[in-house]
Amino acid sequence: MFLIAGLGNPTRQYENTRHNVGFDALDVIAEQYQIPVNNIKFNGLSGTGLIEGEKVVLIKPLTYMNLSGEAIRDYVQFYKVDPENQLLVIYDDISLPPGKIRLRKKGSAGGHNGIKNIIAHLKTENFKRIKIGVGKKPAGWDLKDYVLGHFNKEERALVEDAFGRSAQAAALIVRDEFDKAMNQYN
């Protein structure tokens, strides 16, 4: 059993924003592996299926980004999974250029409030991550306005490509090939 959580904010208002790339990447994974993500449970939207023969639960926390840990903690507890070995979180990263992905086995929140909340609720920094670059905030911009803003056409094409690479990396991670995924996609 493996939990894959894509972070974002619910409601149409936030669709296709920089902060919602985790939701968007999870949608690509769900479509590719034909896993409907339509069950509402534990303050999240989820779906259960198989990726490369491994049972997975895909999760979109509906708690809004900054409280993502509440929903993820409930899924971790319900499915009795070890976050260090059976959890993958996909989210936006402003320190990476649009479309670049970076995989990590663990680490700090790096200023990301959603990750900060997950660390607080799981009481560990040791869980796998796929960070999707959304670009650096332009000088003079408010960070909140930037991450809740939309991509331009060129940036959107780059991040959509990253969603596909994230899905391929997730398949390797689920098969316990994290190092191979890092070598291929970092």
N, C-alpha and C. Protein backbone atom coordinates (compact mmCIF):
# COMPACT_ATOMS: atom_id res chain seq x y z
N MET A 1 0.86 -1.19 0.00
CA MET A 1 0.00 0.00 0.00
C MET A 1 0.89 1.24 0.00
N PHE A 2 0.54 2.19 -0.85
CA PHE A 2 1.31 3.43 -0.96
C PHE A 2 0.31 4.58 -1.06
N LEU A 3 0.54 5.64 -0.30
CA LEU A 3 -0.29 6.85 -0.39
C LEU A 3 0.45 7.88 -1.23
N ILE A 4 -0.24 8.44 -2.21
CA ILE A 4 0.31 9.53 -3.02
C ILE A 4 -0.61 10.73 -2.86
N ALA A 5 -0.08 11.79 -2.27
CA ALA A 5 -0.87 13.00 -2.03
C ALA A 5 -0.38 14.12 -2.92
N GLY A 6 -1.30 14.72 -3.66
CA GLY A 6 -1.01 15.93 -4.43
C GLY A 6 -1.58 17.11 -3.68
N LEU A 7 -0.76 18.13 -3.45
CA LEU A 7 -1.23 19.27 -2.67
C LEU A 7 -1.81 20.37 -3.56
N GLY A 8 -2.80 21.04 -3.02
CA GLY A 8 -3.44 22.15 -3.72
C GLY A 8 -4.55 22.73 -2.88
N ASN A 9 -5.32 23.59 -3.47
CA ASN A 9 -6.47 24.20 -2.82
C ASN A 9 -7.73 23.80 -3.57
N PRO A 10 -8.80 23.44 -2.83
CA PRO A 10 -10.05 23.06 -3.51
C PRO A 10 -10.77 24.30 -4.07
N THR A 11 -11.73 24.07 -4.84
CA THR A 11 -12.63 25.03 -5.51
C THR A 11 -12.05 25.53 -6.83
N ARG A 12 -12.96 25.90 -7.70
CA ARG A 12 -12.60 26.36 -9.05
C ARG A 12 -11.68 27.58 -9.03
N GLN A 13 -11.81 28.40 -8.03
CA GLN A 13 -11.03 29.63 -7.91
C GLN A 13 -9.52 29.35 -8.03
N TYR A 14 -9.08 28.18 -7.58
CA TYR A 14 -7.66 27.87 -7.54
C TYR A 14 -7.19 26.94 -8.65
N GLU A 15 -8.10 26.52 -9.52
CA GLU A 15 -7.72 25.61 -10.60
C GLU A 15 -6.62 26.22 -11.47
N ASN A 16 -5.64 25.39 -11.83
CA ASN A 16 -4.54 25.76 -12.72
C ASN A 16 -3.63 26.86 -12.18
N THR A 17 -3.65 27.09 -10.86
CA THR A 17 -2.73 28.06 -10.27
C THR A 17 -1.41 27.36 -9.96
N ARG A 18 -0.40 28.14 -9.67
CA ARG A 18 0.91 27.59 -9.33
C ARG A 18 0.83 26.70 -8.10
N HIS A 19 0.04 27.10 -7.12
CA HIS A 19 -0.06 26.35 -5.87
C HIS A 19 -0.79 25.02 -6.06
N ASN A 20 -1.47 24.84 -7.17
CA ASN A 20 -2.25 23.62 -7.38
C ASN A 20 -1.57 22.59 -8.28
N VAL A 21 -0.28 22.73 -8.54
CA VAL A 21 0.37 21.76 -9.42
C VAL A 21 0.36 20.36 -8.83
N GLY A 22 0.29 20.22 -7.51
CA GLY A 22 0.19 18.90 -6.89
C GLY A 22 -1.11 18.22 -7.27
N PHE A 23 -2.22 18.97 -7.22
CA PHE A 23 -3.51 18.45 -7.67
C PHE A 23 -3.44 18.06 -9.15
N ASP A 24 -2.85 18.94 -9.95
CA ASP A 24 -2.78 18.69 -11.40
C ASP A 24 -1.96 17.45 -11.71
N ALA A 25 -0.84 17.28 -11.04
CA ALA A 25 -0.01 16.09 -11.26
C ALA A 25 -0.75 14.83 -10.83
N LEU A 26 -1.48 14.92 -9.72
CA LEU A 26 -2.25 13.77 -9.25
C LEU A 26 -3.33 13.40 -10.26
N ASP A 27 -3.94 14.40 -10.89
CA ASP A 27 -4.94 14.14 -11.93
C ASP A 27 -4.34 13.36 -13.10
N VAL A 28 -3.11 13.69 -13.47
CA VAL A 28 -2.43 12.97 -14.56
C VAL A 28 -2.17 11.53 -14.16
N ILE A 29 -1.72 11.32 -12.93
CA ILE A 29 -1.50 9.95 -12.44
C ILE A 29 -2.82 9.18 -12.44
N ALA A 30 -3.88 9.80 -11.92
CA ALA A 30 -5.19 9.15 -11.85
C ALA A 30 -5.69 8.77 -13.25
N GLU A 31 -5.52 9.67 -14.21
CA GLU A 31 -5.95 9.38 -15.58
C GLU A 31 -5.12 8.27 -16.20
N GLN A 32 -3.82 8.35 -16.03
CA GLN A 32 -2.92 7.36 -16.64
C GLN A 32 -3.20 5.96 -16.11
N TYR A 33 -3.52 5.84 -14.82
CA TYR A 33 -3.73 4.52 -14.23
C TYR A 33 -5.21 4.22 -13.98
N GLN A 34 -6.08 5.04 -14.54
CA GLN A 34 -7.53 4.86 -14.47
C GLN A 34 -8.00 4.65 -13.02
N ILE A 35 -7.61 5.59 -12.17
CA ILE A 35 -8.01 5.55 -10.76
C ILE A 35 -8.91 6.75 -10.51
N PRO A 36 -10.22 6.52 -10.38
CA PRO A 36 -11.11 7.65 -10.10
C PRO A 36 -10.84 8.22 -8.70
N VAL A 37 -10.64 9.51 -8.62
CA VAL A 37 -10.40 10.18 -7.34
C VAL A 37 -11.68 10.93 -7.00
N ASN A 38 -12.64 10.18 -6.42
CA ASN A 38 -13.95 10.77 -6.18
C ASN A 38 -14.58 10.38 -4.84
N ASN A 39 -13.80 9.74 -3.96
CA ASN A 39 -14.31 9.39 -2.63
C ASN A 39 -13.96 10.51 -1.66
N ILE A 40 -14.95 10.97 -0.90
CA ILE A 40 -14.68 12.00 0.10
C ILE A 40 -14.57 11.32 1.45
N LYS A 41 -13.39 11.49 2.06
CA LYS A 41 -13.13 10.89 3.37
C LYS A 41 -11.95 11.62 3.99
N PHE A 42 -11.95 11.79 5.30
CA PHE A 42 -10.85 12.41 6.04
C PHE A 42 -10.47 13.78 5.48
N ASN A 43 -11.42 14.61 5.18
CA ASN A 43 -11.13 15.94 4.63
C ASN A 43 -10.29 15.85 3.36
N GLY A 44 -10.55 14.84 2.57
CA GLY A 44 -9.82 14.70 1.32
C GLY A 44 -10.66 14.01 0.27
N LEU A 45 -10.21 14.12 -0.95
CA LEU A 45 -10.78 13.43 -2.09
C LEU A 45 -9.79 12.33 -2.41
N SER A 46 -10.26 11.08 -2.56
CA SER A 46 -9.30 9.99 -2.75
C SER A 46 -9.84 8.94 -3.72
N GLY A 47 -8.92 8.10 -4.16
CA GLY A 47 -9.26 6.98 -5.01
C GLY A 47 -8.22 5.89 -4.83
N THR A 48 -8.68 4.65 -4.90
CA THR A 48 -7.80 3.50 -4.70
C THR A 48 -7.67 2.74 -6.02
N GLY A 49 -6.45 2.29 -6.30
CA GLY A 49 -6.22 1.52 -7.52
C GLY A 49 -4.83 0.91 -7.51
N LEU A 50 -4.36 0.57 -8.71
CA LEU A 50 -3.05 -0.06 -8.86
C LEU A 50 -2.16 0.77 -9.77
N ILE A 51 -0.90 0.88 -9.37
CA ILE A 51 0.14 1.46 -10.22
C ILE A 51 1.24 0.42 -10.31
N GLU A 52 1.49 -0.05 -11.51
CA GLU A 52 2.53 -1.07 -11.73
C GLU A 52 2.34 -2.26 -10.79
N GLY A 53 1.08 -2.66 -10.59
CA GLY A 53 0.78 -3.82 -9.75
C GLY A 53 0.77 -3.56 -8.26
N GLU A 54 1.06 -2.33 -7.85
CA GLU A 54 1.09 -1.98 -6.42
C GLU A 54 -0.17 -1.20 -6.05
N LYS A 55 -0.79 -1.56 -4.92
CA LYS A 55 -1.99 -0.87 -4.46
C LYS A 55 -1.62 0.53 -3.98
N VAL A 56 -2.38 1.53 -4.44
CA VAL A 56 -2.14 2.92 -4.07
C VAL A 56 -3.46 3.60 -3.69
N VAL A 57 -3.33 4.62 -2.87
CA VAL A 57 -4.44 5.53 -2.60
C VAL A 57 -3.96 6.91 -3.04
N LEU A 58 -4.67 7.50 -3.98
CA LEU A 58 -4.37 8.86 -4.43
C LEU A 58 -5.21 9.82 -3.60
N ILE A 59 -4.57 10.90 -3.12
CA ILE A 59 -5.24 11.80 -2.18
C ILE A 59 -5.07 13.26 -2.60
N LYS A 60 -6.18 14.00 -2.55
CA LYS A 60 -6.18 15.45 -2.69
C LYS A 60 -6.77 16.01 -1.39
N PRO A 61 -5.93 16.53 -0.49
CA PRO A 61 -6.50 17.12 0.73
C PRO A 61 -7.43 18.28 0.38
N LEU A 62 -8.58 18.34 1.02
CA LEU A 62 -9.55 19.41 0.78
C LEU A 62 -9.52 20.44 1.90
N THR A 63 -8.47 20.43 2.69
CA THR A 63 -8.33 21.31 3.85
C THR A 63 -7.71 22.65 3.49
N TYR A 64 -7.44 22.89 2.23
CA TYR A 64 -6.64 24.01 1.75
C TYR A 64 -5.18 23.72 2.09
N MET A 65 -4.32 24.30 1.29
CA MET A 65 -2.90 23.99 1.31
C MET A 65 -2.28 24.01 2.70
N ASN A 66 -2.50 25.08 3.45
CA ASN A 66 -1.79 25.27 4.71
C ASN A 66 -2.20 24.31 5.81
N LEU A 67 -3.25 23.52 5.59
CA LEU A 67 -3.69 22.53 6.57
C LEU A 67 -3.65 21.12 6.00
N SER A 68 -2.86 20.91 4.96
CA SER A 68 -2.78 19.61 4.28
C SER A 68 -2.45 18.46 5.22
N GLY A 69 -1.66 18.74 6.24
CA GLY A 69 -1.23 17.69 7.17
C GLY A 69 -2.37 17.04 7.91
N GLU A 70 -3.45 17.78 8.15
CA GLU A 70 -4.59 17.20 8.87
C GLU A 70 -5.17 16.02 8.10
N ALA A 71 -5.42 16.22 6.83
CA ALA A 71 -5.99 15.15 6.01
C ALA A 71 -4.99 14.01 5.82
N ILE A 72 -3.75 14.35 5.51
CA ILE A 72 -2.75 13.31 5.25
C ILE A 72 -2.52 12.46 6.50
N ARG A 73 -2.47 13.09 7.67
CA ARG A 73 -2.32 12.33 8.92
C ARG A 73 -3.45 11.31 9.07
N ASP A 74 -4.68 11.73 8.78
CA ASP A 74 -5.82 10.81 8.93
C ASP A 74 -5.72 9.63 7.98
N TYR A 75 -5.29 9.86 6.74
CA TYR A 75 -5.10 8.76 5.79
C TYR A 75 -3.98 7.83 6.26
N VAL A 76 -2.86 8.40 6.70
CA VAL A 76 -1.73 7.60 7.18
C VAL A 76 -2.17 6.71 8.34
N GLN A 77 -2.93 7.28 9.28
CA GLN A 77 -3.39 6.50 10.43
C GLN A 77 -4.40 5.44 10.03
N PHE A 78 -5.35 5.79 9.16
CA PHE A 78 -6.38 4.84 8.76
C PHE A 78 -5.79 3.65 8.02
N TYR A 79 -4.88 3.92 7.09
CA TYR A 79 -4.29 2.83 6.30
C TYR A 79 -3.08 2.20 6.97
N LYS A 80 -2.70 2.73 8.14
CA LYS A 80 -1.58 2.20 8.93
C LYS A 80 -0.30 2.07 8.09
N VAL A 81 0.02 3.14 7.38
CA VAL A 81 1.23 3.14 6.56
C VAL A 81 2.36 3.86 7.29
N ASP A 82 3.56 3.52 6.94
CA ASP A 82 4.76 4.17 7.45
C ASP A 82 5.07 5.34 6.51
N PRO A 83 4.95 6.58 7.00
CA PRO A 83 5.16 7.73 6.11
C PRO A 83 6.54 7.73 5.44
N GLU A 84 7.54 7.21 6.13
CA GLU A 84 8.89 7.21 5.58
C GLU A 84 9.02 6.32 4.34
N ASN A 85 8.24 5.24 4.30
CA ASN A 85 8.37 4.28 3.22
C ASN A 85 7.15 4.17 2.31
N GLN A 86 6.00 4.72 2.73
CA GLN A 86 4.77 4.48 1.99
C GLN A 86 3.97 5.75 1.70
N LEU A 87 4.63 6.89 1.72
CA LEU A 87 3.96 8.16 1.43
C LEU A 87 4.80 8.96 0.44
N LEU A 88 4.13 9.50 -0.56
CA LEU A 88 4.74 10.40 -1.54
C LEU A 88 3.87 11.65 -1.61
N VAL A 89 4.49 12.82 -1.48
CA VAL A 89 3.77 14.08 -1.55
C VAL A 89 4.29 14.88 -2.75
N ILE A 90 3.36 15.36 -3.57
CA ILE A 90 3.69 16.14 -4.77
C ILE A 90 3.19 17.57 -4.57
N TYR A 91 4.10 18.54 -4.80
CA TYR A 91 3.72 19.93 -4.52
C TYR A 91 4.58 20.91 -5.30
N ASP A 92 4.21 22.19 -5.22
CA ASP A 92 4.88 23.27 -5.94
C ASP A 92 6.13 23.73 -5.21
N ASP A 93 7.10 24.23 -6.00
CA ASP A 93 8.34 24.76 -5.42
C ASP A 93 8.75 26.01 -6.18
N ILE A 94 8.80 27.15 -5.48
CA ILE A 94 9.15 28.42 -6.13
C ILE A 94 10.65 28.56 -6.35
N SER A 95 11.46 27.66 -5.79
CA SER A 95 12.91 27.77 -5.99
C SER A 95 13.37 27.04 -7.24
N LEU A 96 12.45 26.36 -7.91
CA LEU A 96 12.77 25.65 -9.15
C LEU A 96 12.12 26.36 -10.34
N PRO A 97 12.80 26.37 -11.49
CA PRO A 97 12.18 26.97 -12.68
C PRO A 97 10.93 26.20 -13.10
N PRO A 98 10.00 26.85 -13.77
CA PRO A 98 8.78 26.17 -14.19
C PRO A 98 9.08 24.89 -14.98
N GLY A 99 8.46 23.80 -14.55
CA GLY A 99 8.59 22.53 -15.25
C GLY A 99 9.70 21.62 -14.76
N LYS A 100 10.62 22.13 -13.98
CA LYS A 100 11.69 21.27 -13.44
C LYS A 100 11.12 20.51 -12.25
N ILE A 101 11.49 19.23 -12.12
CA ILE A 101 11.06 18.48 -10.94
C ILE A 101 12.28 18.05 -10.13
N ARG A 102 12.07 17.93 -8.85
CA ARG A 102 13.14 17.47 -7.96
C ARG A 102 12.54 16.48 -6.96
N LEU A 103 13.18 15.34 -6.84
CA LEU A 103 12.74 14.31 -5.91
C LEU A 103 13.62 14.34 -4.67
N ARG A 104 12.99 14.14 -3.52
CA ARG A 104 13.71 14.10 -2.25
C ARG A 104 13.10 13.01 -1.37
N LYS A 105 13.96 12.33 -0.60
CA LYS A 105 13.49 11.30 0.33
C LYS A 105 13.01 11.92 1.64
N LYS A 106 13.51 13.10 1.96
CA LYS A 106 13.17 13.76 3.22
C LYS A 106 13.66 15.19 3.15
N GLY A 107 13.38 15.96 4.19
CA GLY A 107 13.89 17.31 4.25
C GLY A 107 12.97 18.24 5.01
N SER A 108 13.41 19.46 5.15
CA SER A 108 12.62 20.47 5.85
C SER A 108 11.49 20.96 4.94
N ALA A 109 10.69 21.84 5.49
CA ALA A 109 9.58 22.41 4.72
C ALA A 109 10.06 23.42 3.69
N GLY A 110 11.24 23.99 3.89
CA GLY A 110 11.76 24.97 2.95
C GLY A 110 10.84 26.16 2.76
N GLY A 111 10.09 26.52 3.81
CA GLY A 111 9.20 27.68 3.72
C GLY A 111 7.82 27.36 3.15
N HIS A 112 7.57 26.11 2.75
CA HIS A 112 6.27 25.73 2.17
C HIS A 112 5.31 25.38 3.31
N ASN A 113 4.25 26.17 3.45
CA ASN A 113 3.33 25.99 4.58
C ASN A 113 2.59 24.66 4.56
N GLY A 114 2.27 24.14 3.39
CA GLY A 114 1.61 22.84 3.32
C GLY A 114 2.51 21.74 3.85
N ILE A 115 3.78 21.77 3.45
CA ILE A 115 4.75 20.77 3.92
C ILE A 115 5.01 20.96 5.41
N LYS A 116 5.08 22.21 5.85
CA LYS A 116 5.26 22.50 7.28
C LYS A 116 4.16 21.84 8.10
N ASN A 117 2.92 21.93 7.61
CA ASN A 117 1.78 21.36 8.32
C ASN A 117 1.83 19.83 8.30
N ILE A 118 2.26 19.25 7.19
CA ILE A 118 2.39 17.79 7.12
C ILE A 118 3.44 17.32 8.12
N ILE A 119 4.58 17.98 8.16
CA ILE A 119 5.65 17.63 9.10
C ILE A 119 5.12 17.73 10.54
N ALA A 120 4.37 18.78 10.84
CA ALA A 120 3.83 18.96 12.19
C ALA A 120 2.87 17.83 12.57
N HIS A 121 2.01 17.42 11.63
CA HIS A 121 1.02 16.38 11.94
C HIS A 121 1.60 14.97 11.92
N LEU A 122 2.58 14.72 11.07
CA LEU A 122 3.19 13.39 11.03
C LEU A 122 4.34 13.26 12.02
N LYS A 123 4.80 14.40 12.52
CA LYS A 123 5.93 14.46 13.46
C LYS A 123 7.20 13.85 12.87
N THR A 124 7.38 14.05 11.55
CA THR A 124 8.59 13.61 10.87
C THR A 124 8.78 14.40 9.58
N GLU A 125 10.04 14.59 9.22
CA GLU A 125 10.39 15.19 7.92
C GLU A 125 10.72 14.10 6.91
N ASN A 126 10.65 12.86 7.33
CA ASN A 126 11.09 11.72 6.52
C ASN A 126 9.93 11.14 5.71
N PHE A 127 9.62 11.78 4.61
CA PHE A 127 8.67 11.22 3.64
C PHE A 127 9.11 11.69 2.26
N LYS A 128 8.78 10.89 1.26
CA LYS A 128 9.23 11.14 -0.11
C LYS A 128 8.43 12.29 -0.71
N ARG A 129 9.11 13.04 -1.60
CA ARG A 129 8.48 14.21 -2.23
C ARG A 129 8.87 14.31 -3.70
N ILE A 130 7.94 14.84 -4.47
CA ILE A 130 8.23 15.32 -5.82
C ILE A 130 7.85 16.79 -5.81
N LYS A 131 8.86 17.63 -6.01
CA LYS A 131 8.63 19.07 -6.05
C LYS A 131 8.59 19.50 -7.52
N ILE A 132 7.57 20.25 -7.88
CA ILE A 132 7.41 20.74 -9.25
C ILE A 132 7.66 22.24 -9.26
N GLY A 133 8.65 22.64 -10.07
CA GLY A 133 9.01 24.05 -10.14
C GLY A 133 7.91 24.90 -10.75
N VAL A 134 7.66 26.03 -10.09
CA VAL A 134 6.67 26.99 -10.60
C VAL A 134 7.32 28.35 -10.87
N GLY A 135 8.63 28.44 -10.64
CA GLY A 135 9.35 29.67 -10.91
C GLY A 135 9.44 30.58 -9.69
N LYS A 136 10.45 31.41 -9.74
CA LYS A 136 10.72 32.34 -8.64
C LYS A 136 9.77 33.53 -8.70
N LYS A 137 9.34 33.97 -7.54
CA LYS A 137 8.46 35.13 -7.43
C LYS A 137 9.19 36.37 -7.96
N PRO A 138 8.57 37.10 -8.87
CA PRO A 138 9.20 38.33 -9.35
C PRO A 138 9.35 39.37 -8.24
N ALA A 139 10.38 40.18 -8.33
CA ALA A 139 10.62 41.24 -7.35
C ALA A 139 9.39 42.14 -7.25
N GLY A 140 9.04 42.47 -6.04
CA GLY A 140 7.91 43.37 -5.82
C GLY A 140 6.57 42.67 -5.71
N TRP A 141 6.51 41.39 -6.04
CA TRP A 141 5.26 40.64 -5.95
C TRP A 141 5.06 40.11 -4.55
N ASP A 142 3.84 40.00 -4.11
CA ASP A 142 3.48 39.32 -2.88
C ASP A 142 3.51 37.81 -3.15
N LEU A 143 4.12 37.04 -2.26
CA LEU A 143 4.25 35.59 -2.48
C LEU A 143 2.88 34.93 -2.64
N LYS A 144 1.93 35.29 -1.80
CA LYS A 144 0.59 34.70 -1.89
C LYS A 144 -0.04 34.96 -3.27
N ASP A 145 0.06 36.19 -3.73
CA ASP A 145 -0.50 36.52 -5.05
C ASP A 145 0.20 35.73 -6.14
N TYR A 146 1.50 35.54 -6.00
CA TYR A 146 2.25 34.81 -7.02
C TYR A 146 1.83 33.34 -7.08
N VAL A 147 1.83 32.65 -5.93
CA VAL A 147 1.51 31.21 -5.97
C VAL A 147 0.05 30.94 -6.27
N LEU A 148 -0.81 31.92 -5.99
CA LEU A 148 -2.22 31.74 -6.33
C LEU A 148 -2.55 32.28 -7.72
N GLY A 149 -1.52 32.71 -8.43
CA GLY A 149 -1.69 33.20 -9.80
C GLY A 149 -1.54 32.09 -10.82
N HIS A 150 -1.81 32.45 -12.06
CA HIS A 150 -1.77 31.47 -13.16
C HIS A 150 -0.46 31.59 -13.95
N PHE A 151 -0.12 30.51 -14.61
CA PHE A 151 1.06 30.47 -15.47
C PHE A 151 0.76 31.19 -16.78
N ASN A 152 1.82 31.70 -17.42
CA ASN A 152 1.63 32.15 -18.80
C ASN A 152 1.65 30.90 -19.69
N LYS A 153 1.40 31.08 -20.97
CA LYS A 153 1.25 29.95 -21.89
C LYS A 153 2.51 29.07 -21.94
N GLU A 154 3.69 29.68 -22.01
CA GLU A 154 4.95 28.93 -22.10
C GLU A 154 5.21 28.15 -20.82
N GLU A 155 4.99 28.82 -19.67
CA GLU A 155 5.19 28.15 -18.38
C GLU A 155 4.23 26.98 -18.22
N ARG A 156 2.99 27.18 -18.63
CA ARG A 156 1.98 26.11 -18.49
C ARG A 156 2.40 24.88 -19.29
N ALA A 157 2.94 25.07 -20.46
CA ALA A 157 3.41 23.93 -21.27
C ALA A 157 4.53 23.19 -20.54
N LEU A 158 5.42 23.92 -19.91
CA LEU A 158 6.53 23.30 -19.17
C LEU A 158 6.02 22.51 -17.97
N VAL A 159 5.07 23.06 -17.21
CA VAL A 159 4.60 22.33 -16.04
C VAL A 159 3.72 21.15 -16.43
N GLU A 160 3.01 21.25 -17.53
CA GLU A 160 2.23 20.09 -17.98
C GLU A 160 3.15 18.93 -18.35
N ASP A 161 4.29 19.24 -18.95
CA ASP A 161 5.28 18.21 -19.22
C ASP A 161 5.79 17.62 -17.91
N ALA A 162 5.98 18.45 -16.91
CA ALA A 162 6.44 17.99 -15.59
C ALA A 162 5.43 17.06 -14.94
N PHE A 163 4.14 17.25 -15.20
CA PHE A 163 3.13 16.36 -14.62
C PHE A 163 3.34 14.93 -15.14
N GLY A 164 3.62 14.80 -16.43
CA GLY A 164 3.87 13.47 -17.00
C GLY A 164 5.12 12.83 -16.43
N ARG A 165 6.19 13.62 -16.27
CA ARG A 165 7.42 13.09 -15.68
C ARG A 165 7.21 12.73 -14.21
N SER A 166 6.38 13.51 -13.53
CA SER A 166 6.06 13.20 -12.13
C SER A 166 5.32 11.86 -12.02
N ALA A 167 4.42 11.61 -12.96
CA ALA A 167 3.69 10.34 -12.97
C ALA A 167 4.65 9.17 -13.20
N GLN A 168 5.59 9.35 -14.12
CA GLN A 168 6.58 8.29 -14.38
C GLN A 168 7.46 8.07 -13.15
N ALA A 169 7.88 9.14 -12.49
CA ALA A 169 8.70 9.04 -11.29
C ALA A 169 7.91 8.36 -10.18
N ALA A 170 6.63 8.72 -10.03
CA ALA A 170 5.79 8.12 -8.99
C ALA A 170 5.68 6.61 -9.18
N ALA A 171 5.58 6.17 -10.43
CA ALA A 171 5.50 4.72 -10.69
C ALA A 171 6.77 4.01 -10.22
N LEU A 172 7.91 4.61 -10.43
CA LEU A 172 9.16 4.03 -9.94
C LEU A 172 9.21 4.03 -8.41
N ILE A 173 8.77 5.11 -7.82
CA ILE A 173 8.80 5.24 -6.36
C ILE A 173 7.91 4.19 -5.72
N VAL A 174 6.73 3.99 -6.27
CA VAL A 174 5.80 2.99 -5.74
C VAL A 174 6.42 1.58 -5.82
N ARG A 175 7.23 1.35 -6.84
CA ARG A 175 7.91 0.04 -6.99
C ARG A 175 9.20 -0.03 -6.17
N ASP A 176 9.40 0.92 -5.27
CA ASP A 176 10.57 0.95 -4.39
C ASP A 176 11.86 1.17 -5.17
N GLU A 177 11.78 2.02 -6.20
CA GLU A 177 12.96 2.36 -7.00
C GLU A 177 13.21 3.88 -6.93
N PHE A 178 13.25 4.40 -5.71
CA PHE A 178 13.39 5.84 -5.53
C PHE A 178 14.71 6.36 -6.10
N ASP A 179 15.80 5.64 -5.84
CA ASP A 179 17.10 6.10 -6.34
C ASP A 179 17.12 6.14 -7.87
N LYS A 180 16.51 5.15 -8.50
CA LYS A 180 16.41 5.15 -9.97
C LYS A 180 15.59 6.34 -10.45
N ALA A 181 14.49 6.62 -9.74
CA ALA A 181 13.65 7.77 -10.09
C ALA A 181 14.45 9.07 -9.96
N MET A 182 15.22 9.19 -8.88
CA MET A 182 16.04 10.41 -8.68
C MET A 182 17.05 10.57 -9.81
N ASN A 183 17.70 9.47 -10.17
CA ASN A 183 18.71 9.53 -11.25
C ASN A 183 18.08 9.91 -12.58
N GLN A 184 16.88 9.46 -12.85
CA GLN A 184 16.22 9.75 -14.12
C GLN A 184 15.59 11.14 -14.17
N TYR A 185 15.04 11.60 -13.06
CA TYR A 185 14.19 12.79 -13.12
C TYR A 185 14.73 14.02 -12.40
N ASN A 186 15.74 13.90 -11.56
CA ASN A 186 16.33 15.09 -10.92
C ASN A 186 17.18 15.85 -11.90
